[in-house]
Every structure is written in structure tokens, then in C-alpha cells.
C-alpha atoms as a PDB file:
ATOM      1  CA  MET A   1      -1.752   0.820  22.685  1.00  0.00           C
ATOM      2  CA  ARG A   2      -2.551   0.150  26.344  1.00  0.00           C
ATOM      3  CA  ASN A   3      -6.080   1.448  25.881  1.00  0.00           C
ATOM      4  CA  ALA A   4      -6.561  -0.671  22.784  1.00  0.00           C
ATOM      5  CA  LEU A   5      -5.239  -3.830  24.394  1.00  0.00           C
ATOM      6  CA  ALA A   6      -7.548  -3.345  27.367  1.00  0.00           C
ATOM      7  CA  HIS A   7     -10.421  -4.078  24.964  1.00  0.00           C
ATOM      8  CA  ALA A   8      -8.756  -7.164  23.503  1.00  0.00           C
ATOM      9  CA  GLY A   9      -8.845  -9.417  26.542  1.00  0.00           C
ATOM     10  CA  LYS A  10      -5.907 -11.437  27.826  1.00  0.00           C
ATOM     11  CA  GLN A  11      -6.170 -14.110  25.139  1.00  0.00           C
ATOM     12  CA  GLY A  12      -6.162 -11.723  22.179  1.00  0.00           C
ATOM     13  CA  ARG A  13      -3.653  -9.070  23.206  1.00  0.00           C
ATOM     14  CA  ARG A  14      -0.701 -10.378  21.205  1.00  0.00           C
ATOM     15  CA  VAL A  15      -2.747 -10.824  18.046  1.00  0.00           C
ATOM     16  CA  VAL A  16      -4.364  -7.396  18.375  1.00  0.00           C
ATOM     17  CA  ALA A  17      -0.990  -5.747  19.052  1.00  0.00           C
ATOM     18  CA  ALA A  18       0.448  -7.414  15.958  1.00  0.00           C
ATOM     19  CA  PHE A  19      -2.534  -6.341  13.824  1.00  0.00           C
ATOM     20  CA  ILE A  20      -2.345  -2.739  14.987  1.00  0.00           C
ATOM     21  CA  GLY A  21       1.435  -2.707  14.596  1.00  0.00           C
ATOM     22  CA  THR A  22       1.086  -3.334  10.874  1.00  0.00           C
ATOM     23  CA  ALA A  23      -0.303   0.188  10.446  1.00  0.00           C
ATOM     24  CA  PHE A  24       2.798   1.690  12.046  1.00  0.00           C
ATOM     25  CA  ALA A  25       5.070  -0.250   9.695  1.00  0.00           C
ATOM     26  CA  GLN A  26       3.703   1.408   6.558  1.00  0.00           C
ATOM     27  CA  ASP A  27       5.854   3.732   4.452  1.00  0.00           C
ATOM     28  CA  ASP A  28       3.502   6.699   4.227  1.00  0.00           C
ATOM     29  CA  ALA A  29       0.438   8.238   5.858  1.00  0.00           C
ATOM     30  CA  SER A  30      -1.976   7.043   3.198  1.00  0.00           C
ATOM     31  CA  ALA A  31      -0.881   3.424   3.485  1.00  0.00           C
ATOM     32  CA  ALA A  32      -0.944   3.634   7.287  1.00  0.00           C
ATOM     33  CA  ARG A  33      -4.522   4.946   7.282  1.00  0.00           C
ATOM     34  CA  THR A  34      -5.626   2.263   4.842  1.00  0.00           C
ATOM     35  CA  GLN A  35      -4.034  -0.453   6.965  1.00  0.00           C
ATOM     36  CA  TRP A  36      -5.497   1.060  10.180  1.00  0.00           C
ATOM     37  CA  ARG A  37      -9.008   0.907   8.710  1.00  0.00           C
ATOM     38  CA  GLN A  38      -8.525  -2.648   7.452  1.00  0.00           C
ATOM     39  CA  VAL A  39      -7.404  -3.757  10.915  1.00  0.00           C
ATOM     40  CA  ALA A  40     -10.384  -2.021  12.541  1.00  0.00           C
ATOM     41  CA  ASP A  41     -12.746  -3.685  10.067  1.00  0.00           C
ATOM     42  CA  GLN A  42     -11.202  -7.113  10.723  1.00  0.00           C
ATOM     43  CA  LEU A  43     -11.582  -6.657  14.479  1.00  0.00           C
ATOM     44  CA  ARG A  44     -15.102  -5.187  14.332  1.00  0.00           C
ATOM     45  CA  PRO A  45     -17.078  -8.498  14.365  1.00  0.00           C
ATOM     46  CA  LYS A  46     -15.356  -9.875  17.481  1.00  0.00           C
ATOM     47  CA  VAL A  47     -14.091  -6.784  19.293  1.00  0.00           C
ATOM     48  CA  GLY A  48     -16.529  -4.029  18.386  1.00  0.00           C
ATOM     49  CA  LYS A  49     -15.492  -1.686  21.201  1.00  0.00           C
ATOM     50  CA  LEU A  50     -11.879  -1.823  20.079  1.00  0.00           C
ATOM     51  CA  ALA A  51     -12.834  -1.128  16.459  1.00  0.00           C
ATOM     52  CA  ALA A  52     -14.932   1.849  17.584  1.00  0.00           C
ATOM     53  CA  LEU A  53     -11.981   3.162  19.615  1.00  0.00           C
ATOM     54  CA  MET A  54      -9.734   2.780  16.583  1.00  0.00           C
ATOM     55  CA  ASP A  55     -12.218   4.742  14.477  1.00  0.00           C
ATOM     56  CA  GLU A  56     -12.224   7.538  17.057  1.00  0.00           C
ATOM     57  CA  VAL A  57      -8.483   7.897  17.547  1.00  0.00           C
ATOM     58  CA  GLU A  58      -7.196   7.272  14.025  1.00  0.00           C
ATOM     59  CA  ASP A  59      -6.200  10.895  13.352  1.00  0.00           C
ATOM     60  CA  ASP A  60      -4.424  11.295  16.689  1.00  0.00           C
ATOM     61  CA  VAL A  61      -2.583   7.984  16.581  1.00  0.00           C
ATOM     62  CA  LEU A  62      -1.387   8.330  13.000  1.00  0.00           C
ATOM     63  CA  ALA A  63      -0.474  12.029  13.213  1.00  0.00           C
ATOM     64  CA  PHE A  64       3.226  11.137  13.416  1.00  0.00           C
ATOM     65  CA  MET A  65       3.060   9.804   9.860  1.00  0.00           C
ATOM     66  CA  SER A  66       2.953  13.396   8.578  1.00  0.00           C
ATOM     67  CA  PHE A  67       6.598  13.833   9.646  1.00  0.00           C
ATOM     68  CA  PRO A  68       9.488  12.748   7.416  1.00  0.00           C
ATOM     69  CA  ALA A  69      10.347   9.066   7.796  1.00  0.00           C
ATOM     70  CA  ALA A  70      13.759   9.855   9.293  1.00  0.00           C
ATOM     71  CA  HIS A  71      12.117  11.762  12.162  1.00  0.00           C
ATOM     72  CA  ARG A  72       9.457   9.183  13.029  1.00  0.00           C
ATOM     73  CA  ALA A  73      11.812   6.868  14.909  1.00  0.00           C
ATOM     74  CA  LYS A  74      12.732   9.738  17.230  1.00  0.00           C
ATOM     75  CA  LEU A  75       9.146  10.523  18.216  1.00  0.00           C
ATOM     76  CA  HIS A  76       7.940   9.178  21.533  1.00  0.00           C
ATOM     77  CA  SER A  77       4.521   8.851  23.098  1.00  0.00           C
ATOM     78  CA  THR A  78       3.146   8.037  26.507  1.00  0.00           C
ATOM     79  CA  GLY A  79       0.706   5.718  24.798  1.00  0.00           C
ATOM     80  CA  GLU A  80      -2.239   7.512  26.370  1.00  0.00           C
ATOM     81  CA  ILE A  81      -5.212   8.134  24.131  1.00  0.00           C
ATOM     82  CA  SER A  82      -8.267   9.830  25.513  1.00  0.00           C
ATOM     83  CA  PRO A  83     -11.410   9.122  23.512  1.00  0.00           C
END
């Protein structure tokens, strides 16, 4: 998330964080991927670098969705994503 917000600029960080957060709130992996792509496409015209980063890291960021829902809340991340 830190890497993503670095591309958003100070003014847009809250909005971008909220947009990206909608993908994590989905019930299953398919819905999360669909939402992730929709967010990237919405951001693409104004924040192209961020959308490109989202395209690159989609599989890594959403990997936790392959675990059962009860286990997801217990997973932790450093938030570091290396493109």
C-alpha cells in the first residue's frame, strides 16, 4: 500500500487507499481480482504509473484471497511490494 500511495500524491492518497481497499473487502478471489482491475482502470487516466504498478503486482497482492476466509484476517504483510 505504501508503494501504491507514493504514486498517488498527497492530495489523492485517501481516495486511492479507499479505492484499493475495496478489492480487499470482496468475498472471494474472483471478485477481488475483478474489483482490483476496475480500480486500476479508473485510476489509469490520472495516475498511470499507479495503474501500471497495480497491473504488475495483482497476483502477489491478492494471493491471500486463495486462503479460506477465516484465515485471511490472521495474515499479515510488511506492505512491501517489489515490482
